[in-house]
Amino acid sequence: MADENILDLVIGEAHFDPLEFEQLPELLNHYKSNVEFLTAVTVDFYNHETETTQSGDGLRPDYHT
């Protein structure tokens, strides 16, 4: 319909640069080898409900699974 807003967005994989994590606080850097990074992506669009991807882990999360 002409008065509908439609957004089709697919978020697949992400790649985090490990060098950027050197900017984390000193405490986290101390335990860096034992820290597991868990991320998710949220999307807000106009009058639609917030959508959230599944969680992904590590520096190369895959949000498809």
C-alpha atoms as a PDB file:
ATOM      1  CA  MET A   1       0.000   0.000   0.000  1.00  0.00           C
ATOM      2  CA  ALA A   2       1.099   3.545  -0.624  1.00  0.00           C
ATOM      3  CA  ASP A   3       0.960   4.519   3.060  1.00  0.00           C
ATOM      4  CA  GLU A   4       3.174   1.631   4.293  1.00  0.00           C
ATOM      5  CA  ASN A   5       6.862   1.806   5.132  1.00  0.00           C
ATOM      6  CA  ILE A   6       8.755  -1.364   4.315  1.00  0.00           C
ATOM      7  CA  LEU A   7      12.347  -2.102   5.276  1.00  0.00           C
ATOM      8  CA  ASP A   8      14.018  -5.374   4.354  1.00  0.00           C
ATOM      9  CA  LEU A   9      17.444  -5.427   5.965  1.00  0.00           C
ATOM     10  CA  VAL A  10      19.699  -8.465   6.287  1.00  0.00           C
ATOM     11  CA  ILE A  11      22.621  -8.302   8.688  1.00  0.00           C
ATOM     12  CA  GLY A  12      24.926 -11.264   8.188  1.00  0.00           C
ATOM     13  CA  GLU A  13      28.481 -11.134   9.419  1.00  0.00           C
ATOM     14  CA  ALA A  14      30.632  -8.564  11.158  1.00  0.00           C
ATOM     15  CA  HIS A  15      34.385  -8.220  11.454  1.00  0.00           C
ATOM     16  CA  PHE A  16      35.826  -6.447  14.483  1.00  0.00           C
ATOM     17  CA  ASP A  17      39.428  -5.254  14.318  1.00  0.00           C
ATOM     18  CA  PRO A  18      41.319  -6.748  17.278  1.00  0.00           C
ATOM     19  CA  LEU A  19      43.616  -3.713  17.348  1.00  0.00           C
ATOM     20  CA  GLU A  20      40.650  -1.534  18.224  1.00  0.00           C
ATOM     21  CA  PHE A  21      40.174  -3.488  21.422  1.00  0.00           C
ATOM     22  CA  GLU A  22      43.470  -2.092  22.649  1.00  0.00           C
ATOM     23  CA  GLN A  23      41.426   1.041  23.389  1.00  0.00           C
ATOM     24  CA  LEU A  24      39.423  -0.791  26.067  1.00  0.00           C
ATOM     25  CA  PRO A  25      40.027  -0.009  29.725  1.00  0.00           C
ATOM     26  CA  GLU A  26      43.175  -1.452  31.285  1.00  0.00           C
ATOM     27  CA  LEU A  27      41.254  -3.973  33.384  1.00  0.00           C
ATOM     28  CA  LEU A  28      39.608  -5.531  30.349  1.00  0.00           C
ATOM     29  CA  ASN A  29      42.918  -5.631  28.487  1.00  0.00           C
ATOM     30  CA  HIS A  30      44.414  -7.534  31.423  1.00  0.00           C
ATOM     31  CA  TYR A  31      41.808 -10.281  31.033  1.00  0.00           C
ATOM     32  CA  LYS A  32      41.548  -9.989  27.240  1.00  0.00           C
ATOM     33  CA  SER A  33      42.601 -13.580  26.600  1.00  0.00           C
ATOM     34  CA  ASN A  34      39.739 -14.843  28.788  1.00  0.00           C
ATOM     35  CA  VAL A  35      37.054 -12.466  27.528  1.00  0.00           C
ATOM     36  CA  GLU A  36      34.441 -13.661  25.046  1.00  0.00           C
ATOM     37  CA  PHE A  37      32.825 -10.888  23.042  1.00  0.00           C
ATOM     38  CA  LEU A  38      29.094 -11.310  22.551  1.00  0.00           C
ATOM     39  CA  THR A  39      27.313  -8.842  20.277  1.00  0.00           C
ATOM     40  CA  ALA A  40      23.931  -8.208  18.689  1.00  0.00           C
ATOM     41  CA  VAL A  41      22.628  -5.530  16.331  1.00  0.00           C
ATOM     42  CA  THR A  42      19.400  -3.608  16.859  1.00  0.00           C
ATOM     43  CA  VAL A  43      17.572  -1.664  14.169  1.00  0.00           C
ATOM     44  CA  ASP A  44      14.918   1.003  14.694  1.00  0.00           C
ATOM     45  CA  PHE A  45      12.982   2.229  11.677  1.00  0.00           C
ATOM     46  CA  TYR A  46      10.250   4.838  11.780  1.00  0.00           C
ATOM     47  CA  ASN A  47       7.037   3.447  13.360  1.00  0.00           C
ATOM     48  CA  HIS A  48       8.131  -0.196  13.358  1.00  0.00           C
ATOM     49  CA  GLU A  49       9.109  -2.234  16.389  1.00  0.00           C
ATOM     50  CA  THR A  50      12.797  -2.576  17.194  1.00  0.00           C
ATOM     51  CA  GLU A  51      14.303  -5.660  15.576  1.00  0.00           C
ATOM     52  CA  THR A  52      17.318  -7.442  17.062  1.00  0.00           C
ATOM     53  CA  THR A  53      19.612  -9.964  15.428  1.00  0.00           C
ATOM     54  CA  GLN A  54      20.570 -13.169  17.121  1.00  0.00           C
ATOM     55  CA  SER A  55      23.702 -12.943  19.257  1.00  0.00           C
ATOM     56  CA  GLY A  56      27.080 -13.489  17.667  1.00  0.00           C
ATOM     57  CA  ASP A  57      30.330 -14.208  19.432  1.00  0.00           C
ATOM     58  CA  GLY A  58      33.991 -13.498  18.843  1.00  0.00           C
ATOM     59  CA  LEU A  59      35.649 -10.979  16.554  1.00  0.00           C
ATOM     60  CA  ARG A  60      33.850 -12.395  13.472  1.00  0.00           C
ATOM     61  CA  PRO A  61      30.258 -12.957  14.567  1.00  0.00           C
ATOM     62  CA  ASP A  62      27.734 -14.537  12.229  1.00  0.00           C
ATOM     63  CA  TYR A  63      24.242 -13.181  12.914  1.00  0.00           C
ATOM     64  CA  HIS A  64      22.556 -15.636  10.519  1.00  0.00           C
ATOM     65  CA  THR A  65      22.679 -18.598  12.867  1.00  0.00           C
END
